[in-house]
Amino acid sequence: MKKLFVILPMITALLCGCITKVMVDSPENPVAIYDDITHDFSGQIKGSLANVFKATNLALERDMKFFRCGQIPKDNEWFVYARGLRDLKIVVNLKVNEKKPELIDVVISYDEDDLIICQRIFKAILNNMKAYQ
């Protein structure tokens, strides 16, 4: 019985302590989510998929000085690949939101557990989107 009281809080902390809510400058959805296990930063940006794609390319290459090494288009979705310092892989997934088509779901995956870099990439995309609005 004592083991159960020790194990239960540990399991709860493990399952609930994996997601961090982060405030961002997106007026449409001011709260983004960072998953500590998958290292995914998820947020939403208002705009067309083409404009968010252009803003993402500018953010990765010009603003963040990453080497953008490719993209894969899919139906209402883009995957943008880049390499950062120490050859770390960065993947930005842009997908049209199914419930609200005027919003684009942005998921930034960084090779290491680095919330700050993901926030900077998202902020750079938002800043570049101002030119398209």
Protein backbone atom coordinates (compact mmCIF):
# COMPACT_ATOMS: atom_id res chain seq x y z
CA MET A 1 0.00 0.00 0.00
CA LYS A 2 2.86 2.37 0.79
CA LYS A 3 4.39 1.67 -2.61
CA LEU A 4 1.14 2.67 -4.26
CA PHE A 5 1.17 6.05 -2.50
CA VAL A 6 4.74 6.62 -3.68
CA ILE A 7 4.27 5.41 -7.25
CA LEU A 8 0.95 7.17 -7.94
CA PRO A 9 2.29 10.76 -7.47
CA MET A 10 5.35 9.90 -9.57
CA ILE A 11 3.18 8.67 -12.45
CA THR A 12 0.96 11.74 -12.17
CA ALA A 13 3.96 14.08 -12.25
CA LEU A 14 5.40 12.24 -15.24
CA LEU A 15 2.20 12.39 -17.28
CA CYS A 16 1.11 15.91 -16.36
CA GLY A 17 4.50 17.61 -16.27
CA CYS A 18 5.26 17.10 -19.94
CA ILE A 19 3.35 20.01 -21.48
CA THR A 20 4.18 23.69 -20.96
CA LYS A 21 1.82 26.48 -21.94
CA VAL A 22 3.67 29.48 -23.36
CA MET A 23 2.40 33.00 -24.01
CA VAL A 24 3.02 34.21 -27.58
CA ASP A 25 2.22 37.38 -29.53
CA SER A 26 -0.35 35.75 -31.79
CA PRO A 27 -3.60 37.70 -31.35
CA GLU A 28 -5.66 34.76 -32.65
CA ASN A 29 -4.38 32.29 -30.08
CA PRO A 30 -2.09 33.87 -27.44
CA VAL A 31 -1.21 30.53 -25.82
CA ALA A 32 1.12 28.04 -27.50
CA ILE A 33 2.01 24.60 -26.18
CA TYR A 34 5.46 23.05 -25.79
CA ASP A 35 5.71 19.29 -25.33
CA ASP A 36 8.83 18.36 -23.36
CA ILE A 37 8.80 14.74 -24.52
CA THR A 38 8.51 15.25 -28.29
CA HIS A 39 10.16 18.72 -28.26
CA ASP A 40 7.25 20.13 -30.31
CA PHE A 41 6.16 23.75 -30.06
CA SER A 42 2.57 24.23 -31.31
CA GLY A 43 0.82 27.51 -32.05
CA GLN A 44 -1.61 29.12 -34.48
CA ILE A 45 -1.20 31.99 -36.92
CA LYS A 46 -3.93 33.75 -38.88
CA GLY A 47 -3.29 33.90 -42.62
CA SER A 48 -3.14 31.84 -45.76
CA LEU A 49 -0.93 28.79 -46.02
CA ALA A 50 1.13 30.42 -48.79
CA ASN A 51 1.83 33.55 -46.73
CA VAL A 52 2.74 31.60 -43.59
CA PHE A 53 5.03 29.42 -45.74
CA LYS A 54 6.81 32.52 -47.10
CA ALA A 55 7.08 34.00 -43.60
CA THR A 56 8.52 30.72 -42.31
CA ASN A 57 11.20 30.65 -45.01
CA LEU A 58 12.20 34.23 -44.21
CA ALA A 59 12.23 33.49 -40.49
CA LEU A 60 14.46 30.44 -40.82
CA GLU A 61 16.95 31.80 -43.37
CA ARG A 62 17.12 35.55 -42.87
CA ASP A 63 16.12 36.07 -39.24
CA MET A 64 17.41 32.93 -37.51
CA LYS A 65 20.35 32.30 -39.91
CA PHE A 66 19.50 28.61 -40.28
CA PHE A 67 20.22 26.61 -43.42
CA ARG A 68 16.89 25.74 -44.99
CA CYS A 69 17.40 22.43 -46.74
CA GLY A 70 14.01 21.59 -48.19
CA GLN A 71 10.27 21.44 -48.03
CA ILE A 72 7.60 18.85 -48.72
CA PRO A 73 4.15 20.01 -49.84
CA LYS A 74 1.08 17.96 -49.03
CA ASP A 75 -2.65 18.59 -49.22
CA ASN A 76 -3.21 21.79 -47.16
CA GLU A 77 0.11 21.22 -45.40
CA TRP A 78 3.81 22.05 -45.73
CA PHE A 79 6.85 20.55 -44.03
CA VAL A 80 9.85 22.91 -44.01
CA TYR A 81 13.24 21.43 -43.08
CA ALA A 82 16.26 23.38 -41.85
CA ARG A 83 19.54 22.79 -40.05
CA GLY A 84 20.75 24.84 -37.11
CA LEU A 85 23.93 25.13 -35.11
CA ARG A 86 25.76 21.83 -34.60
CA ASP A 87 23.71 20.43 -37.52
CA LEU A 88 20.55 20.10 -35.43
CA LYS A 89 17.41 19.33 -37.42
CA ILE A 90 14.50 21.77 -37.41
CA VAL A 91 11.12 20.83 -38.89
CA VAL A 92 8.30 23.34 -39.20
CA ASN A 93 4.93 21.80 -40.02
CA LEU A 94 2.34 24.20 -41.41
CA LYS A 95 -1.20 22.87 -41.69
CA VAL A 96 -4.56 24.49 -42.34
CA ASN A 97 -6.76 24.17 -39.26
CA GLU A 98 -9.71 21.91 -40.00
CA LYS A 99 -12.18 23.77 -37.77
CA LYS A 100 -11.08 27.30 -38.67
CA PRO A 101 -9.55 27.41 -42.19
CA GLU A 102 -8.32 30.99 -41.69
CA LEU A 103 -5.87 29.71 -39.04
CA ILE A 104 -2.67 27.83 -39.74
CA ASP A 105 -1.42 25.33 -37.17
CA VAL A 106 2.34 25.71 -36.76
CA VAL A 107 4.33 22.90 -35.13
CA ILE A 108 8.06 23.52 -34.67
CA SER A 109 10.24 20.50 -33.89
CA TYR A 110 13.80 21.14 -32.75
CA ASP A 111 16.30 18.31 -32.34
CA GLU A 112 17.20 19.28 -28.79
CA ASP A 113 14.97 20.26 -25.90
CA ASP A 114 15.13 24.01 -26.52
CA LEU A 115 11.94 25.94 -25.88
CA ILE A 116 13.65 29.32 -26.35
CA ILE A 117 14.76 28.61 -29.93
CA CYS A 118 11.26 27.38 -30.80
CA GLN A 119 9.80 30.58 -29.35
CA ARG A 120 12.24 32.69 -31.37
CA ILE A 121 11.33 30.87 -34.60
CA PHE A 122 7.60 31.33 -33.91
CA LYS A 123 8.11 35.02 -33.08
CA ALA A 124 10.11 35.52 -36.30
CA ILE A 125 7.30 33.90 -38.32
CA LEU A 126 4.76 36.20 -36.64
CA ASN A 127 6.89 39.28 -37.35
CA ASN A 128 7.24 38.31 -41.01
CA MET A 129 3.47 37.74 -41.27
CA LYS A 130 2.90 41.44 -40.54
CA ALA A 131 4.12 42.20 -44.06
CA TYR A 132 1.35 40.02 -45.53
CA GLN A 133 -1.56 41.45 -43.52
